[in-house]
Amino acid sequence: MKPLKVTSNFEVYDSIEELPQDIQTLMRKAISTRDDAYAPYSQFKVGAALALDNNEIVIGSNQENASYPSGLCAERTAIYYAGAAYPEAKIQNIAISAKSMKHKVEAAVPPCGACRQALVEYEVKQEANIAVYFMGESGQVMKANSIKDLLPLIFDNSVL
């Protein structure tokens, strides 16, 4: 047996105002989209905005269903739409913001495991990193330079 150490690096910004201007704009899109989420069951709204290399911004919000597995997270809503509408475009950045209708969320909220897997599929497909910026409804914003920082031991098509 030999140990394997896996590390990830993140950048932490105290607020949206510390982000580069283009990322501030992207995060504000995620926030406004978050507020349009359909989350009557969890009362937890998430918005995502993707910046593509063709200068398009694609948005998504979580969409719930009384049959819980039938809903879809904001990140996957956005990334699947981007893949369908702009199949040749590369995703450069994704901004994510989450808000609970039950309590204030000030901690940065990263994508769930299923969304990490969906996002890494596109990162592998496009052979270029996707920077991920995520936050709660206010407070700190965290940045990962790649989905692989969030999901370091990826499952991809190389093992199929």
C-alpha atoms as a PDB file:
ATOM      1  CA  MET A   1       0.000   0.000   0.000  1.00  0.00           C
ATOM      2  CA  LYS A   2       1.168   3.498  -0.736  1.00  0.00           C
ATOM      3  CA  PRO A   3      -0.721   6.655   0.099  1.00  0.00           C
ATOM      4  CA  LEU A   4      -2.189   8.924  -2.543  1.00  0.00           C
ATOM      5  CA  LYS A   5      -2.654  12.562  -1.628  1.00  0.00           C
ATOM      6  CA  VAL A   6      -5.168  14.537  -3.681  1.00  0.00           C
ATOM      7  CA  THR A   7      -5.246  18.306  -3.354  1.00  0.00           C
ATOM      8  CA  SER A   8      -7.352  21.057  -4.851  1.00  0.00           C
ATOM      9  CA  ASN A   9      -6.735  24.766  -4.948  1.00  0.00           C
ATOM     10  CA  PHE A  10      -9.386  27.441  -4.700  1.00  0.00           C
ATOM     11  CA  GLU A  11      -9.457  31.216  -4.713  1.00  0.00           C
ATOM     12  CA  VAL A  12     -11.697  32.933  -2.162  1.00  0.00           C
ATOM     13  CA  TYR A  13     -13.141  36.392  -2.771  1.00  0.00           C
ATOM     14  CA  ASP A  14     -14.806  38.290   0.073  1.00  0.00           C
ATOM     15  CA  SER A  15     -17.645  39.487  -2.163  1.00  0.00           C
ATOM     16  CA  ILE A  16     -18.845  39.794  -5.753  1.00  0.00           C
ATOM     17  CA  GLU A  17     -17.218  43.217  -5.952  1.00  0.00           C
ATOM     18  CA  GLU A  18     -13.737  41.621  -5.748  1.00  0.00           C
ATOM     19  CA  LEU A  19     -14.341  39.532  -8.876  1.00  0.00           C
ATOM     20  CA  PRO A  20     -13.190  40.630 -12.339  1.00  0.00           C
ATOM     21  CA  GLN A  21     -15.884  42.734 -14.045  1.00  0.00           C
ATOM     22  CA  ASP A  22     -16.923  40.034 -16.535  1.00  0.00           C
ATOM     23  CA  ILE A  23     -17.332  37.509 -13.718  1.00  0.00           C
ATOM     24  CA  GLN A  24     -19.336  40.017 -11.656  1.00  0.00           C
ATOM     25  CA  THR A  25     -21.705  40.319 -14.609  1.00  0.00           C
ATOM     26  CA  LEU A  26     -21.899  36.538 -14.945  1.00  0.00           C
ATOM     27  CA  MET A  27     -22.581  36.084 -11.217  1.00  0.00           C
ATOM     28  CA  ARG A  28     -25.308  38.740 -11.294  1.00  0.00           C
ATOM     29  CA  LYS A  29     -26.938  36.760 -14.132  1.00  0.00           C
ATOM     30  CA  ALA A  30     -26.787  33.642 -11.961  1.00  0.00           C
ATOM     31  CA  ILE A  31     -28.378  35.552  -9.068  1.00  0.00           C
ATOM     32  CA  SER A  32     -31.237  36.956 -11.158  1.00  0.00           C
ATOM     33  CA  THR A  33     -31.818  33.522 -12.697  1.00  0.00           C
ATOM     34  CA  ARG A  34     -31.737  31.935  -9.223  1.00  0.00           C
ATOM     35  CA  ASP A  35     -34.688  34.054  -8.199  1.00  0.00           C
ATOM     36  CA  ASP A  36     -36.722  32.528 -11.055  1.00  0.00           C
ATOM     37  CA  ALA A  37     -36.054  28.929  -9.955  1.00  0.00           C
ATOM     38  CA  TYR A  38     -39.009  26.599  -9.486  1.00  0.00           C
ATOM     39  CA  ALA A  39     -38.339  25.171  -6.017  1.00  0.00           C
ATOM     40  CA  PRO A  40     -41.674  24.738  -4.195  1.00  0.00           C
ATOM     41  CA  TYR A  41     -40.547  21.570  -2.385  1.00  0.00           C
ATOM     42  CA  SER A  42     -37.010  22.256  -1.188  1.00  0.00           C
ATOM     43  CA  GLN A  43     -37.392  26.041  -0.951  1.00  0.00           C
ATOM     44  CA  PHE A  44     -33.749  26.103  -2.134  1.00  0.00           C
ATOM     45  CA  LYS A  45     -33.189  28.163  -5.261  1.00  0.00           C
ATOM     46  CA  VAL A  46     -30.090  27.908  -7.414  1.00  0.00           C
ATOM     47  CA  GLY A  47     -29.082  29.881 -10.484  1.00  0.00           C
ATOM     48  CA  ALA A  48     -26.259  29.229 -12.914  1.00  0.00           C
ATOM     49  CA  ALA A  49     -24.817  31.274 -15.758  1.00  0.00           C
ATOM     50  CA  LEU A  50     -22.305  29.969 -18.298  1.00  0.00           C
ATOM     51  CA  ALA A  51     -19.963  32.167 -20.339  1.00  0.00           C
ATOM     52  CA  LEU A  52     -19.212  30.585 -23.707  1.00  0.00           C
ATOM     53  CA  ASP A  53     -16.300  31.357 -26.016  1.00  0.00           C
ATOM     54  CA  ASN A  54     -18.768  32.670 -28.643  1.00  0.00           C
ATOM     55  CA  ASN A  55     -19.732  35.491 -26.212  1.00  0.00           C
ATOM     56  CA  GLU A  56     -23.097  33.910 -25.389  1.00  0.00           C
ATOM     57  CA  ILE A  57     -24.284  33.615 -21.796  1.00  0.00           C
ATOM     58  CA  VAL A  58     -26.512  30.643 -21.046  1.00  0.00           C
ATOM     59  CA  ILE A  59     -28.567  30.556 -17.869  1.00  0.00           C
ATOM     60  CA  GLY A  60     -30.304  27.854 -15.871  1.00  0.00           C
ATOM     61  CA  SER A  61     -32.201  27.529 -12.613  1.00  0.00           C
ATOM     62  CA  ASN A  62     -33.233  24.466 -10.660  1.00  0.00           C
ATOM     63  CA  GLN A  63     -36.559  23.006 -11.703  1.00  0.00           C
ATOM     64  CA  GLU A  64     -38.232  20.741  -9.155  1.00  0.00           C
ATOM     65  CA  ASN A  65     -40.984  18.186  -9.512  1.00  0.00           C
ATOM     66  CA  ALA A  66     -43.238  16.466  -6.983  1.00  0.00           C
ATOM     67  CA  SER A  67     -41.477  13.283  -8.147  1.00  0.00           C
ATOM     68  CA  TYR A  68     -38.077  14.424  -6.852  1.00  0.00           C
ATOM     69  CA  PRO A  69     -35.844  12.512  -9.272  1.00  0.00           C
ATOM     70  CA  SER A  70     -37.617  14.215 -12.166  1.00  0.00           C
ATOM     71  CA  GLY A  71     -36.278  17.657 -11.289  1.00  0.00           C
ATOM     72  CA  LEU A  72     -33.024  19.134 -12.549  1.00  0.00           C
ATOM     73  CA  CYS A  73     -30.345  21.290 -10.946  1.00  0.00           C
ATOM     74  CA  ALA A  74     -29.483  24.749 -12.268  1.00  0.00           C
ATOM     75  CA  GLU A  75     -26.010  23.748 -13.413  1.00  0.00           C
ATOM     76  CA  ARG A  76     -27.250  20.832 -15.509  1.00  0.00           C
ATOM     77  CA  THR A  77     -30.159  22.861 -16.873  1.00  0.00           C
ATOM     78  CA  ALA A  78     -27.655  25.440 -18.144  1.00  0.00           C
ATOM     79  CA  ILE A  79     -24.959  23.083 -19.383  1.00  0.00           C
ATOM     80  CA  TYR A  80     -27.349  20.801 -21.255  1.00  0.00           C
ATOM     81  CA  TYR A  81     -28.976  23.804 -22.904  1.00  0.00           C
ATOM     82  CA  ALA A  82     -25.545  25.132 -23.901  1.00  0.00           C
ATOM     83  CA  GLY A  83     -24.646  21.728 -25.341  1.00  0.00           C
ATOM     84  CA  ALA A  84     -27.888  21.606 -27.333  1.00  0.00           C
ATOM     85  CA  ALA A  85     -27.951  25.214 -28.551  1.00  0.00           C
ATOM     86  CA  TYR A  86     -24.211  25.787 -29.048  1.00  0.00           C
ATOM     87  CA  PRO A  87     -22.608  22.351 -29.543  1.00  0.00           C
ATOM     88  CA  GLU A  88     -19.330  23.746 -30.902  1.00  0.00           C
ATOM     89  CA  ALA A  89     -18.871  26.458 -28.251  1.00  0.00           C
ATOM     90  CA  LYS A  90     -16.519  25.988 -25.326  1.00  0.00           C
ATOM     91  CA  ILE A  91     -17.647  26.830 -21.816  1.00  0.00           C
ATOM     92  CA  GLN A  92     -15.170  29.199 -20.216  1.00  0.00           C
ATOM     93  CA  ASN A  93     -16.748  30.033 -16.855  1.00  0.00           C
ATOM     94  CA  ILE A  94     -19.758  29.078 -14.784  1.00  0.00           C
ATOM     95  CA  ALA A  95     -21.181  31.198 -11.970  1.00  0.00           C
ATOM     96  CA  ILE A  96     -23.500  29.619  -9.396  1.00  0.00           C
ATOM     97  CA  SER A  97     -25.544  31.206  -6.615  1.00  0.00           C
ATOM     98  CA  ALA A  98     -27.813  29.464  -4.089  1.00  0.00           C
ATOM     99  CA  LYS A  99     -30.473  30.829  -1.755  1.00  0.00           C
ATOM    100  CA  SER A 100     -32.712  29.161   0.794  1.00  0.00           C
ATOM    101  CA  MET A 101     -36.222  30.471   1.371  1.00  0.00           C
ATOM    102  CA  LYS A 102     -35.907  29.169   4.972  1.00  0.00           C
ATOM    103  CA  HIS A 103     -32.677  30.807   6.161  1.00  0.00           C
ATOM    104  CA  LYS A 104     -29.860  33.030   4.940  1.00  0.00           C
ATOM    105  CA  VAL A 105     -27.104  31.228   2.995  1.00  0.00           C
ATOM    106  CA  GLU A 106     -23.814  33.065   3.332  1.00  0.00           C
ATOM    107  CA  ALA A 107     -21.459  30.117   2.761  1.00  0.00           C
ATOM    108  CA  ALA A 108     -20.320  29.367  -0.779  1.00  0.00           C
ATOM    109  CA  VAL A 109     -22.422  26.490  -2.162  1.00  0.00           C
ATOM    110  CA  PRO A 110     -20.607  24.243  -4.673  1.00  0.00           C
ATOM    111  CA  PRO A 111     -22.355  22.085  -7.283  1.00  0.00           C
ATOM    112  CA  CYS A 112     -23.753  18.729  -6.164  1.00  0.00           C
ATOM    113  CA  GLY A 113     -22.030  15.504  -7.175  1.00  0.00           C
ATOM    114  CA  ALA A 114     -24.303  14.831 -10.161  1.00  0.00           C
ATOM    115  CA  CYS A 115     -23.652  18.329 -11.491  1.00  0.00           C
ATOM    116  CA  ARG A 116     -19.903  17.931 -10.994  1.00  0.00           C
ATOM    117  CA  GLN A 117     -20.012  14.764 -13.101  1.00  0.00           C
ATOM    118  CA  ALA A 118     -22.075  16.478 -15.826  1.00  0.00           C
ATOM    119  CA  LEU A 119     -19.758  19.501 -15.843  1.00  0.00           C
ATOM    120  CA  VAL A 120     -16.576  17.414 -16.031  1.00  0.00           C
ATOM    121  CA  GLU A 121     -18.012  15.595 -19.070  1.00  0.00           C
ATOM    122  CA  TYR A 122     -18.070  18.916 -20.939  1.00  0.00           C
ATOM    123  CA  GLU A 123     -14.630  19.888 -19.657  1.00  0.00           C
ATOM    124  CA  VAL A 124     -13.207  16.609 -21.007  1.00  0.00           C
ATOM    125  CA  LYS A 125     -15.167  16.972 -24.273  1.00  0.00           C
ATOM    126  CA  GLN A 126     -13.887  20.475 -24.953  1.00  0.00           C
ATOM    127  CA  GLU A 127     -10.336  19.703 -23.782  1.00  0.00           C
ATOM    128  CA  ALA A 128     -10.253  22.954 -21.824  1.00  0.00           C
ATOM    129  CA  ASN A 129     -10.856  23.832 -18.183  1.00  0.00           C
ATOM    130  CA  ILE A 130     -14.069  25.429 -17.008  1.00  0.00           C
ATOM    131  CA  ALA A 131     -13.602  27.904 -14.149  1.00  0.00           C
ATOM    132  CA  VAL A 132     -16.311  27.546 -11.498  1.00  0.00           C
ATOM    133  CA  TYR A 133     -17.361  30.491  -9.315  1.00  0.00           C
ATOM    134  CA  PHE A 134     -19.864  29.685  -6.566  1.00  0.00           C
ATOM    135  CA  MET A 135     -21.516  31.460  -3.666  1.00  0.00           C
ATOM    136  CA  GLY A 136     -24.556  31.502  -1.423  1.00  0.00           C
ATOM    137  CA  GLU A 137     -26.933  34.424  -1.603  1.00  0.00           C
ATOM    138  CA  SER A 138     -24.272  36.793  -0.271  1.00  0.00           C
ATOM    139  CA  GLY A 139     -20.804  36.713   1.185  1.00  0.00           C
ATOM    140  CA  GLN A 140     -17.745  34.922  -0.107  1.00  0.00           C
ATOM    141  CA  VAL A 141     -17.319  33.672  -3.634  1.00  0.00           C
ATOM    142  CA  MET A 142     -15.088  30.671  -4.244  1.00  0.00           C
ATOM    143  CA  LYS A 143     -13.363  29.867  -7.520  1.00  0.00           C
ATOM    144  CA  ALA A 144     -12.091  26.539  -8.805  1.00  0.00           C
ATOM    145  CA  ASN A 145      -9.966  26.761 -11.960  1.00  0.00           C
ATOM    146  CA  SER A 146     -11.301  23.430 -13.190  1.00  0.00           C
ATOM    147  CA  ILE A 147     -14.142  21.030 -12.463  1.00  0.00           C
ATOM    148  CA  LYS A 148     -11.372  18.577 -11.607  1.00  0.00           C
ATOM    149  CA  ASP A 149     -10.630  20.678  -8.506  1.00  0.00           C
ATOM    150  CA  LEU A 150     -14.170  19.850  -7.346  1.00  0.00           C
ATOM    151  CA  LEU A 151     -14.086  16.254  -8.589  1.00  0.00           C
ATOM    152  CA  PRO A 152     -10.422  15.227  -8.634  1.00  0.00           C
ATOM    153  CA  LEU A 153     -10.777  11.519  -9.450  1.00  0.00           C
ATOM    154  CA  ILE A 154     -13.006  11.822 -12.497  1.00  0.00           C
ATOM    155  CA  PHE A 155     -14.959   9.108 -14.255  1.00  0.00           C
ATOM    156  CA  ASP A 156     -14.809   9.752 -17.992  1.00  0.00           C
ATOM    157  CA  ASN A 157     -14.956   7.992 -21.339  1.00  0.00           C
ATOM    158  CA  SER A 158     -11.335   6.841 -21.093  1.00  0.00           C
ATOM    159  CA  VAL A 159     -12.431   3.966 -18.842  1.00  0.00           C
ATOM    160  CA  LEU A 160     -15.327   2.767 -21.004  1.00  0.00           C
END
